All heavy atoms as atom14 arrays in JSON, in Angstrom:
{
  "sequence": "WGANAQSLNWTNRFEIKEDFSHVRGQHQFKFGGEYAQYISPEDVTA",
  "atom14_mask": [
    [1, 1, 1, 1, 1, 1, 1, 1, 1, 1, 1, 1, 1, 1],
    [1, 1, 1, 1, 0, 0, 0, 0, 0, 0, 0, 0, 0, 0],
    [1, 1, 1, 1, 1, 0, 0, 0, 0, 0, 0, 0, 0, 0],
    [1, 1, 1, 1, 1, 1, 1, 1, 0, 0, 0, 0, 0, 0],
    [1, 1, 1, 1, 1, 0, 0, 0, 0, 0, 0, 0, 0, 0],
    [1, 1, 1, 1, 1, 1, 1, 1, 1, 0, 0, 0, 0, 0],
    [1, 1, 1, 1, 1, 1, 0, 0, 0, 0, 0, 0, 0, 0],
    [1, 1, 1, 1, 1, 1, 1, 1, 0, 0, 0, 0, 0, 0],
    [1, 1, 1, 1, 1, 1, 1, 1, 0, 0, 0, 0, 0, 0],
    [1, 1, 1, 1, 1, 1, 1, 1, 1, 1, 1, 1, 1, 1],
    [1, 1, 1, 1, 1, 1, 1, 0, 0, 0, 0, 0, 0, 0],
    [1, 1, 1, 1, 1, 1, 1, 1, 0, 0, 0, 0, 0, 0],
    [1, 1, 1, 1, 1, 1, 1, 1, 1, 1, 1, 0, 0, 0],
    [1, 1, 1, 1, 1, 1, 1, 1, 1, 1, 1, 0, 0, 0],
    [1, 1, 1, 1, 1, 1, 1, 1, 1, 0, 0, 0, 0, 0],
    [1, 1, 1, 1, 1, 1, 1, 1, 0, 0, 0, 0, 0, 0],
    [1, 1, 1, 1, 1, 1, 1, 1, 1, 0, 0, 0, 0, 0],
    [1, 1, 1, 1, 1, 1, 1, 1, 1, 0, 0, 0, 0, 0],
    [1, 1, 1, 1, 1, 1, 1, 1, 0, 0, 0, 0, 0, 0],
    [1, 1, 1, 1, 1, 1, 1, 1, 1, 1, 1, 0, 0, 0],
    [1, 1, 1, 1, 1, 1, 0, 0, 0, 0, 0, 0, 0, 0],
    [1, 1, 1, 1, 1, 1, 1, 1, 1, 1, 0, 0, 0, 0],
    [1, 1, 1, 1, 1, 1, 1, 0, 0, 0, 0, 0, 0, 0],
    [1, 1, 1, 1, 1, 1, 1, 1, 1, 1, 1, 0, 0, 0],
    [1, 1, 1, 1, 0, 0, 0, 0, 0, 0, 0, 0, 0, 0],
    [1, 1, 1, 1, 1, 1, 1, 1, 1, 0, 0, 0, 0, 0],
    [1, 1, 1, 1, 1, 1, 1, 1, 1, 1, 0, 0, 0, 0],
    [1, 1, 1, 1, 1, 1, 1, 1, 1, 0, 0, 0, 0, 0],
    [1, 1, 1, 1, 1, 1, 1, 1, 1, 1, 1, 0, 0, 0],
    [1, 1, 1, 1, 1, 1, 1, 1, 1, 0, 0, 0, 0, 0],
    [1, 1, 1, 1, 1, 1, 1, 1, 1, 1, 1, 0, 0, 0],
    [1, 1, 1, 1, 0, 0, 0, 0, 0, 0, 0, 0, 0, 0],
    [1, 1, 1, 1, 0, 0, 0, 0, 0, 0, 0, 0, 0, 0],
    [1, 1, 1, 1, 1, 1, 1, 1, 1, 0, 0, 0, 0, 0],
    [1, 1, 1, 1, 1, 1, 1, 1, 1, 1, 1, 1, 0, 0],
    [1, 1, 1, 1, 1, 0, 0, 0, 0, 0, 0, 0, 0, 0],
    [1, 1, 1, 1, 1, 1, 1, 1, 1, 0, 0, 0, 0, 0],
    [1, 1, 1, 1, 1, 1, 1, 1, 1, 1, 1, 1, 0, 0],
    [1, 1, 1, 1, 1, 1, 1, 1, 0, 0, 0, 0, 0, 0],
    [1, 1, 1, 1, 1, 1, 0, 0, 0, 0, 0, 0, 0, 0],
    [1, 1, 1, 1, 1, 1, 1, 0, 0, 0, 0, 0, 0, 0],
    [1, 1, 1, 1, 1, 1, 1, 1, 1, 0, 0, 0, 0, 0],
    [1, 1, 1, 1, 1, 1, 1, 1, 0, 0, 0, 0, 0, 0],
    [1, 1, 1, 1, 1, 1, 1, 0, 0, 0, 0, 0, 0, 0],
    [1, 1, 1, 1, 1, 1, 1, 0, 0, 0, 0, 0, 0, 0],
    [1, 1, 1, 1, 1, 0, 0, 0, 0, 0, 0, 0, 0, 0]
  ],
  "atom14_positions": [
    [[-32.98, 1.1, 10.73], [-32.98, 0.19, 11.91], [-32.66, -1.21, 11.43], [-33.13, -1.65, 10.38], [-34.35, 0.22, 12.55], [-34.4, -0.56, 13.86], [-34.17, -0.11, 15.14], [-34.75, -1.96, 14.01], [-34.32, -1.13, 16.04], [-34.67, -2.25, 15.4], [-35.08, -2.99, 13.1], [-34.95, -3.56, 15.87], [-35.32, -4.24, 13.59], [-35.27, -4.55, 14.97]],
    [[-31.82, -1.9, 12.21], [-31.53, -3.3, 11.89], [-30.03, -3.52, 11.63], [-29.31, -2.58, 11.46], [0.0, 0.0, 0.0], [0.0, 0.0, 0.0], [0.0, 0.0, 0.0], [0.0, 0.0, 0.0], [0.0, 0.0, 0.0], [0.0, 0.0, 0.0], [0.0, 0.0, 0.0], [0.0, 0.0, 0.0], [0.0, 0.0, 0.0], [0.0, 0.0, 0.0]],
    [[-29.65, -4.75, 11.58], [-28.28, -5.14, 11.3], [-28.25, -6.58, 10.73], [-28.75, -7.46, 11.33], [-27.43, -5.07, 12.57], [0.0, 0.0, 0.0], [0.0, 0.0, 0.0], [0.0, 0.0, 0.0], [0.0, 0.0, 0.0], [0.0, 0.0, 0.0], [0.0, 0.0, 0.0], [0.0, 0.0, 0.0], [0.0, 0.0, 0.0], [0.0, 0.0, 0.0]],
    [[-27.68, -6.7, 9.51], [-27.67, -8.03, 8.93], [-26.43, -8.29, 8.1], [-26.43, -9.2, 7.24], [-28.94, -8.26, 8.05], [-28.98, -7.35, 6.86], [-28.04, -6.64, 6.58], [-30.1, -7.41, 6.13], [0.0, 0.0, 0.0], [0.0, 0.0, 0.0], [0.0, 0.0, 0.0], [0.0, 0.0, 0.0], [0.0, 0.0, 0.0], [0.0, 0.0, 0.0]],
    [[-25.37, -7.54, 8.3], [-24.18, -7.75, 7.51], [-22.96, -7.88, 8.45], [-22.9, -7.25, 9.5], [-23.98, -6.63, 6.52], [0.0, 0.0, 0.0], [0.0, 0.0, 0.0], [0.0, 0.0, 0.0], [0.0, 0.0, 0.0], [0.0, 0.0, 0.0], [0.0, 0.0, 0.0], [0.0, 0.0, 0.0], [0.0, 0.0, 0.0], [0.0, 0.0, 0.0]],
    [[-22.01, -8.65, 8.01], [-20.81, -8.87, 8.79], [-19.74, -9.43, 7.89], [-20.02, -10.17, 6.94], [-21.12, -9.88, 9.94], [-19.96, -10.05, 10.89], [-20.26, -11.18, 11.85], [-20.13, -12.35, 11.49], [-20.64, -10.85, 13.08], [0.0, 0.0, 0.0], [0.0, 0.0, 0.0], [0.0, 0.0, 0.0], [0.0, 0.0, 0.0], [0.0, 0.0, 0.0]],
    [[-18.5, -9.04, 8.1], [-17.41, -9.56, 7.28], [-16.2, -9.84, 8.1], [-15.99, -9.24, 9.16], [-17.06, -8.61, 6.14], [-16.56, -7.4, 6.67], [0.0, 0.0, 0.0], [0.0, 0.0, 0.0], [0.0, 0.0, 0.0], [0.0, 0.0, 0.0], [0.0, 0.0, 0.0], [0.0, 0.0, 0.0], [0.0, 0.0, 0.0], [0.0, 0.0, 0.0]],
    [[-15.41, -10.78, 7.63], [-14.15, -11.13, 8.27], [-13.08, -11.11, 7.21], [-13.14, -11.87, 6.26], [-14.23, -12.51, 8.92], [-12.92, -13.06, 9.5], [-12.45, -12.24, 10.7], [-13.11, -14.54, 9.93], [0.0, 0.0, 0.0], [0.0, 0.0, 0.0], [0.0, 0.0, 0.0], [0.0, 0.0, 0.0], [0.0, 0.0, 0.0], [0.0, 0.0, 0.0]],
    [[-12.14, -10.18, 7.29], [-11.1, -10.09, 6.26], [-9.88, -9.38, 6.82], [-9.95, -8.72, 7.85], [-11.62, -9.39, 5.03], [-12.13, -8.01, 5.29], [-11.31, -7.06, 5.48], [-13.42, -7.78, 5.29], [0.0, 0.0, 0.0], [0.0, 0.0, 0.0], [0.0, 0.0, 0.0], [0.0, 0.0, 0.0], [0.0, 0.0, 0.0], [0.0, 0.0, 0.0]],
    [[-8.81, -9.58, 6.15], [-7.56, -8.88, 6.51], [-6.75, -8.7, 5.2], [-7.11, -9.23, 4.18], [-6.76, -9.62, 7.56], [-6.34, -10.98, 7.14], [-5.28, -11.34, 6.36], [-7.01, -12.23, 7.46], [-5.22, -12.69, 6.21], [-6.27, -13.26, 6.88], [-8.14, -12.56, 8.21], [-6.63, -14.58, 6.99], [-8.49, -13.87, 8.31], [-7.74, -14.92, 7.73]],
    [[-5.66, -7.97, 5.3], [-4.79, -7.77, 4.14], [-3.35, -8.15, 4.45], [-2.81, -7.71, 5.44], [-4.86, -6.28, 3.7], [-6.18, -5.91, 3.33], [-3.92, -6.02, 2.52], [0.0, 0.0, 0.0], [0.0, 0.0, 0.0], [0.0, 0.0, 0.0], [0.0, 0.0, 0.0], [0.0, 0.0, 0.0], [0.0, 0.0, 0.0], [0.0, 0.0, 0.0]],
    [[-2.82, -9.03, 3.62], [-1.42, -9.35, 3.72], [-0.66, -8.36, 2.82], [-0.85, -8.35, 1.6], [-1.15, -10.8, 3.25], [-1.88, -11.82, 4.13], [-1.86, -11.71, 5.34], [-2.51, -12.76, 3.5], [0.0, 0.0, 0.0], [0.0, 0.0, 0.0], [0.0, 0.0, 0.0], [0.0, 0.0, 0.0], [0.0, 0.0, 0.0], [0.0, 0.0, 0.0]],
    [[0.21, -7.58, 3.43], [0.86, -6.47, 2.68], [2.38, -6.71, 2.61], [3.01, -7.08, 3.56], [0.6, -5.17, 3.39], [1.32, -3.98, 2.81], [0.84, -2.68, 3.44], [1.66, -1.54, 3.02], [1.31, -0.26, 3.1], [0.14, 0.0, 3.68], [2.07, 0.69, 2.71], [0.0, 0.0, 0.0], [0.0, 0.0, 0.0], [0.0, 0.0, 0.0]],
    [[2.92, -6.51, 1.4], [4.35, -6.58, 1.16], [4.75, -5.33, 0.38], [4.09, -5.0, -0.59], [4.71, -7.85, 0.38], [6.17, -7.91, -0.03], [7.12, -8.34, 0.9], [6.53, -7.58, -1.3], [8.45, -8.38, 0.54], [7.88, -7.63, -1.68], [8.82, -8.02, -0.77], [0.0, 0.0, 0.0], [0.0, 0.0, 0.0], [0.0, 0.0, 0.0]],
    [[5.85, -4.68, 0.78], [6.21, -3.42, 0.15], [7.72, -3.29, 0.12], [8.41, -3.59, 1.09], [5.57, -2.23, 0.91], [5.88, -0.9, 0.3], [5.19, 0.24, 1.07], [4.61, -0.06, 2.15], [5.24, 1.4, 0.59], [0.0, 0.0, 0.0], [0.0, 0.0, 0.0], [0.0, 0.0, 0.0], [0.0, 0.0, 0.0], [0.0, 0.0, 0.0]],
    [[8.23, -2.86, -1.02], [9.6, -2.43, -1.17], [9.63, -0.99, -1.72], [9.01, -0.75, -2.75], [10.38, -3.36, -2.13], [10.39, -4.82, -1.63], [11.83, -2.86, -2.3], [11.05, -5.77, -2.58], [0.0, 0.0, 0.0], [0.0, 0.0, 0.0], [0.0, 0.0, 0.0], [0.0, 0.0, 0.0], [0.0, 0.0, 0.0], [0.0, 0.0, 0.0]],
    [[10.32, -0.1, -1.01], [10.29, 1.28, -1.45], [11.64, 1.92, -1.15], [12.23, 1.66, -0.1], [9.17, 2.05, -0.72], [9.04, 3.5, -1.09], [7.91, 4.14, -0.35], [7.73, 5.62, -0.76], [6.59, 6.26, -0.03], [0.0, 0.0, 0.0], [0.0, 0.0, 0.0], [0.0, 0.0, 0.0], [0.0, 0.0, 0.0], [0.0, 0.0, 0.0]],
    [[12.1, 2.75, -2.06], [13.4, 3.43, -1.87], [13.31, 4.79, -2.53], [12.77, 4.92, -3.64], [14.55, 2.62, -2.43], [15.89, 3.01, -1.92], [16.03, 2.83, -0.43], [16.22, 1.67, 0.01], [16.01, 3.81, 0.34], [0.0, 0.0, 0.0], [0.0, 0.0, 0.0], [0.0, 0.0, 0.0], [0.0, 0.0, 0.0], [0.0, 0.0, 0.0]],
    [[13.83, 5.79, -1.83], [13.85, 7.17, -2.36], [15.31, 7.71, -2.2], [15.96, 7.46, -1.18], [12.87, 8.08, -1.64], [11.46, 7.6, -1.78], [10.84, 7.86, -2.84], [10.92, 6.95, -0.86], [0.0, 0.0, 0.0], [0.0, 0.0, 0.0], [0.0, 0.0, 0.0], [0.0, 0.0, 0.0], [0.0, 0.0, 0.0], [0.0, 0.0, 0.0]],
    [[15.76, 8.49, -3.15], [17.09, 9.05, -3.14], [17.02, 10.56, -3.45], [16.15, 11.0, -4.14], [18.01, 8.35, -4.16], [18.09, 6.85, -4.0], [17.2, 6.04, -4.67], [19.1, 6.3, -3.23], [17.27, 4.65, -4.56], [19.16, 4.94, -3.05], [18.27, 4.1, -3.73], [0.0, 0.0, 0.0], [0.0, 0.0, 0.0], [0.0, 0.0, 0.0]],
    [[18.06, 11.26, -2.98], [18.2, 12.67, -3.38], [19.71, 12.93, -3.65], [20.56, 12.28, -2.98], [17.65, 13.58, -2.31], [18.37, 13.43, -1.09], [0.0, 0.0, 0.0], [0.0, 0.0, 0.0], [0.0, 0.0, 0.0], [0.0, 0.0, 0.0], [0.0, 0.0, 0.0], [0.0, 0.0, 0.0], [0.0, 0.0, 0.0], [0.0, 0.0, 0.0]],
    [[19.97, 13.82, -4.56], [21.35, 14.13, -4.92], [21.43, 15.58, -5.29], [20.67, 16.05, -6.13], [21.82, 13.24, -6.08], [23.16, 13.54, -6.59], [24.32, 13.34, -5.85], [23.59, 14.11, -7.76], [25.37, 13.7, -6.54], [24.94, 14.17, -7.71], [0.0, 0.0, 0.0], [0.0, 0.0, 0.0], [0.0, 0.0, 0.0], [0.0, 0.0, 0.0]],
    [[22.31, 16.32, -4.7], [22.54, 17.74, -4.99], [23.8, 17.88, -5.83], [24.87, 17.37, -5.46], [22.67, 18.54, -3.71], [22.92, 20.02, -4.06], [21.39, 18.44, -2.89], [0.0, 0.0, 0.0], [0.0, 0.0, 0.0], [0.0, 0.0, 0.0], [0.0, 0.0, 0.0], [0.0, 0.0, 0.0], [0.0, 0.0, 0.0], [0.0, 0.0, 0.0]],
    [[23.64, 18.57, -6.92], [24.78, 18.84, -7.82], [24.67, 20.18, -8.39], [23.81, 20.48, -9.22], [24.85, 17.78, -8.91], [26.09, 17.93, -9.81], [26.27, 16.75, -10.71], [27.46, 16.84, -11.51], [27.94, 15.92, -12.33], [27.23, 14.76, -12.46], [29.03, 16.06, -12.99], [0.0, 0.0, 0.0], [0.0, 0.0, 0.0], [0.0, 0.0, 0.0]],
    [[25.54, 21.09, -7.95], [25.52, 22.46, -8.41], [24.19, 23.15, -8.07], [23.77, 23.21, -6.89], [0.0, 0.0, 0.0], [0.0, 0.0, 0.0], [0.0, 0.0, 0.0], [0.0, 0.0, 0.0], [0.0, 0.0, 0.0], [0.0, 0.0, 0.0], [0.0, 0.0, 0.0], [0.0, 0.0, 0.0], [0.0, 0.0, 0.0], [0.0, 0.0, 0.0]],
    [[23.49, 23.64, -9.08], [22.22, 24.32, -8.89], [21.03, 23.35, -9.01], [19.91, 23.83, -9.05], [22.09, 25.45, -9.96], [23.15, 26.54, -9.81], [23.11, 27.49, -10.98], [22.85, 27.1, -12.13], [23.34, 28.78, -10.7], [0.0, 0.0, 0.0], [0.0, 0.0, 0.0], [0.0, 0.0, 0.0], [0.0, 0.0, 0.0], [0.0, 0.0, 0.0]],
    [[21.31, 22.08, -9.03], [20.26, 21.07, -9.21], [20.13, 20.24, -7.95], [21.12, 19.83, -7.33], [20.56, 20.16, -10.39], [20.59, 20.86, -11.71], [19.48, 20.94, -12.53], [21.59, 21.49, -12.35], [19.81, 21.6, -13.64], [21.09, 21.93, -13.57], [0.0, 0.0, 0.0], [0.0, 0.0, 0.0], [0.0, 0.0, 0.0], [0.0, 0.0, 0.0]],
    [[18.85, 19.97, -7.58], [18.59, 18.98, -6.5], [17.71, 17.91, -7.09], [16.53, 18.14, -7.39], [17.92, 19.67, -5.32], [17.6, 18.72, -4.17], [17.05, 19.37, -2.95], [17.16, 20.58, -2.81], [16.38, 18.61, -2.1], [0.0, 0.0, 0.0], [0.0, 0.0, 0.0], [0.0, 0.0, 0.0], [0.0, 0.0, 0.0], [0.0, 0.0, 0.0]],
    [[18.28, 16.73, -7.3], [17.57, 15.65, -7.94], [16.94, 14.75, -6.84], [17.53, 14.52, -5.8], [18.54, 14.78, -8.76], [19.16, 15.5, -9.91], [20.46, 15.99, -9.8], [18.44, 15.71, -11.1], [21.02, 16.68, -10.85], [19.03, 16.4, -12.15], [20.32, 16.88, -12.03], [0.0, 0.0, 0.0], [0.0, 0.0, 0.0], [0.0, 0.0, 0.0]],
    [[15.76, 14.26, -7.16], [15.11, 13.27, -6.34], [14.57, 12.18, -7.25], [14.01, 12.45, -8.34], [13.93, 13.86, -5.51], [14.39, 14.89, -4.49], [13.22, 15.44, -3.72], [13.66, 16.48, -2.7], [12.52, 17.01, -1.92], [0.0, 0.0, 0.0], [0.0, 0.0, 0.0], [0.0, 0.0, 0.0], [0.0, 0.0, 0.0], [0.0, 0.0, 0.0]],
    [[14.71, 10.94, -6.85], [14.21, 9.84, -7.64], [13.98, 8.64, -6.77], [14.56, 8.53, -5.64], [15.16, 9.46, -8.8], [16.57, 9.17, -8.38], [17.02, 7.91, -8.14], [17.51, 10.25, -8.21], [18.3, 7.66, -7.75], [18.78, 10.0, -7.82], [19.21, 8.71, -7.58], [0.0, 0.0, 0.0], [0.0, 0.0, 0.0], [0.0, 0.0, 0.0]],
    [[13.1, 7.76, -7.21], [12.78, 6.56, -6.39], [11.73, 5.72, -7.03], [11.23, 5.96, -8.12], [0.0, 0.0, 0.0], [0.0, 0.0, 0.0], [0.0, 0.0, 0.0], [0.0, 0.0, 0.0], [0.0, 0.0, 0.0], [0.0, 0.0, 0.0], [0.0, 0.0, 0.0], [0.0, 0.0, 0.0], [0.0, 0.0, 0.0], [0.0, 0.0, 0.0]],
    [[11.32, 4.67, -6.31], [10.33, 3.76, -6.83], [9.75, 2.91, -5.73], [10.25, 2.9, -4.56], [0.0, 0.0, 0.0], [0.0, 0.0, 0.0], [0.0, 0.0, 0.0], [0.0, 0.0, 0.0], [0.0, 0.0, 0.0], [0.0, 0.0, 0.0], [0.0, 0.0, 0.0], [0.0, 0.0, 0.0], [0.0, 0.0, 0.0], [0.0, 0.0, 0.0]],
    [[8.7, 2.18, -6.06], [7.99, 1.38, -5.07], [7.31, 0.2, -5.71], [6.82, 0.33, -6.88], [6.95, 2.2, -4.32], [6.11, 1.42, -3.31], [5.01, 2.29, -2.72], [4.69, 3.37, -3.32], [4.45, 1.9, -1.67], [0.0, 0.0, 0.0], [0.0, 0.0, 0.0], [0.0, 0.0, 0.0], [0.0, 0.0, 0.0], [0.0, 0.0, 0.0]],
    [[7.34, -0.92, -5.05], [6.51, -2.11, -5.4], [5.76, -2.55, -4.16], [6.35, -2.69, -3.08], [7.38, -3.26, -5.92], [6.55, -4.55, -6.06], [5.73, -4.71, -7.15], [6.61, -5.52, -5.07], [4.98, -5.85, -7.26], [5.86, -6.68, -5.18], [5.03, -6.85, -6.29], [4.27, -7.99, -6.42], [0.0, 0.0, 0.0], [0.0, 0.0, 0.0]],
    [[4.45, -2.69, -4.29], [3.64, -3.1, -3.15], [2.61, -4.08, -3.63], [2.05, -3.94, -4.71], [2.99, -1.88, -2.45], [0.0, 0.0, 0.0], [0.0, 0.0, 0.0], [0.0, 0.0, 0.0], [0.0, 0.0, 0.0], [0.0, 0.0, 0.0], [0.0, 0.0, 0.0], [0.0, 0.0, 0.0], [0.0, 0.0, 0.0], [0.0, 0.0, 0.0]],
    [[2.29, -5.07, -2.81], [1.2, -5.98, -3.11], [0.3, -6.1, -1.85], [0.8, -6.12, -0.71], [1.7, -7.33, -3.55], [2.42, -8.17, -2.52], [2.84, -9.5, -3.03], [3.16, -9.67, -4.21], [2.87, -10.5, -2.18], [0.0, 0.0, 0.0], [0.0, 0.0, 0.0], [0.0, 0.0, 0.0], [0.0, 0.0, 0.0], [0.0, 0.0, 0.0]],
    [[-0.99, -6.22, -2.15], [-1.97, -6.34, -1.06], [-2.9, -7.46, -1.46], [-3.62, -7.42, -2.43], [-2.75, -5.03, -0.98], [-1.95, -3.79, -0.74], [-1.42, -3.08, -1.82], [-1.62, -3.36, 0.53], [-0.63, -1.96, -1.64], [-0.83, -2.24, 0.71], [-0.33, -1.54, -0.36], [0.46, -0.44, -0.15], [0.0, 0.0, 0.0], [0.0, 0.0, 0.0]],
    [[-2.85, -8.52, -0.65], [-3.67, -9.71, -0.91], [-4.67, -9.82, 0.27], [-4.27, -9.89, 1.42], [-2.83, -11.0, -0.96], [-1.67, -10.81, -1.96], [-3.73, -12.2, -1.35], [-2.11, -10.5, -3.39], [0.0, 0.0, 0.0], [0.0, 0.0, 0.0], [0.0, 0.0, 0.0], [0.0, 0.0, 0.0], [0.0, 0.0, 0.0], [0.0, 0.0, 0.0]],
    [[-5.95, -9.8, -0.08], [-6.99, -9.76, 0.99], [-7.96, -10.91, 0.79], [-8.86, -10.84, -0.06], [-7.73, -8.42, 0.88], [-6.85, -7.33, 1.02], [0.0, 0.0, 0.0], [0.0, 0.0, 0.0], [0.0, 0.0, 0.0], [0.0, 0.0, 0.0], [0.0, 0.0, 0.0], [0.0, 0.0, 0.0], [0.0, 0.0, 0.0], [0.0, 0.0, 0.0]],
    [[-7.85, -11.97, 1.59], [-8.92, -12.96, 1.64], [-10.13, -12.42, 2.43], [-9.93, -11.9, 3.5], [-8.26, -14.18, 2.33], [-7.2, -13.55, 3.21], [-6.73, -12.3, 2.49], [0.0, 0.0, 0.0], [0.0, 0.0, 0.0], [0.0, 0.0, 0.0], [0.0, 0.0, 0.0], [0.0, 0.0, 0.0], [0.0, 0.0, 0.0], [0.0, 0.0, 0.0]],
    [[-11.28, -12.57, 1.86], [-12.47, -12.01, 2.53], [-13.65, -13.01, 2.42], [-13.69, -13.84, 1.56], [-12.89, -10.69, 1.84], [-11.84, -9.62, 1.85], [-12.27, -8.39, 1.13], [-13.33, -8.4, 0.47], [-11.56, -7.39, 1.15], [0.0, 0.0, 0.0], [0.0, 0.0, 0.0], [0.0, 0.0, 0.0], [0.0, 0.0, 0.0], [0.0, 0.0, 0.0]],
    [[-14.58, -12.85, 3.39], [-15.86, -13.55, 3.19], [-16.94, -12.53, 2.96], [-16.83, -11.36, 3.32], [-16.16, -14.48, 4.39], [-16.27, -13.78, 5.73], [-16.41, -12.53, 5.76], [-16.24, -14.48, 6.72], [0.0, 0.0, 0.0], [0.0, 0.0, 0.0], [0.0, 0.0, 0.0], [0.0, 0.0, 0.0], [0.0, 0.0, 0.0], [0.0, 0.0, 0.0]],
    [[-18.0, -13.04, 2.38], [-19.13, -12.17, 1.98], [-20.39, -12.77, 2.59], [-20.92, -13.73, 2.05], [-19.25, -12.08, 0.46], [-20.29, -11.01, 0.07], [-17.92, -11.78, -0.21], [0.0, 0.0, 0.0], [0.0, 0.0, 0.0], [0.0, 0.0, 0.0], [0.0, 0.0, 0.0], [0.0, 0.0, 0.0], [0.0, 0.0, 0.0], [0.0, 0.0, 0.0]],
    [[-20.84, -12.22, 3.68], [-22.05, -12.72, 4.29], [-23.23, -12.22, 3.55], [-23.23, -11.13, 2.92], [-22.14, -12.3, 5.76], [-22.08, -10.88, 5.88], [-20.99, -12.95, 6.56], [0.0, 0.0, 0.0], [0.0, 0.0, 0.0], [0.0, 0.0, 0.0], [0.0, 0.0, 0.0], [0.0, 0.0, 0.0], [0.0, 0.0, 0.0], [0.0, 0.0, 0.0]],
    [[-24.32, -12.95, 3.6], [-25.49, -12.62, 2.8], [-26.26, -11.43, 3.42], [-26.22, -11.22, 4.64], [-26.44, -13.83, 2.77], [0.0, 0.0, 0.0], [0.0, 0.0, 0.0], [0.0, 0.0, 0.0], [0.0, 0.0, 0.0], [0.0, 0.0, 0.0], [0.0, 0.0, 0.0], [0.0, 0.0, 0.0], [0.0, 0.0, 0.0], [0.0, 0.0, 0.0]]
  ]
}
């Protein structure tokens, strides 16, 4: 019983992602990569 915690925060998200596929003969290639950043300012109530 009770409630004494509360927070205010969000996340600023930036992402670059790319995926590729290539078929050649009996091979099906897939390759790709990603860069992502997540910055979250937060408060910490007592």
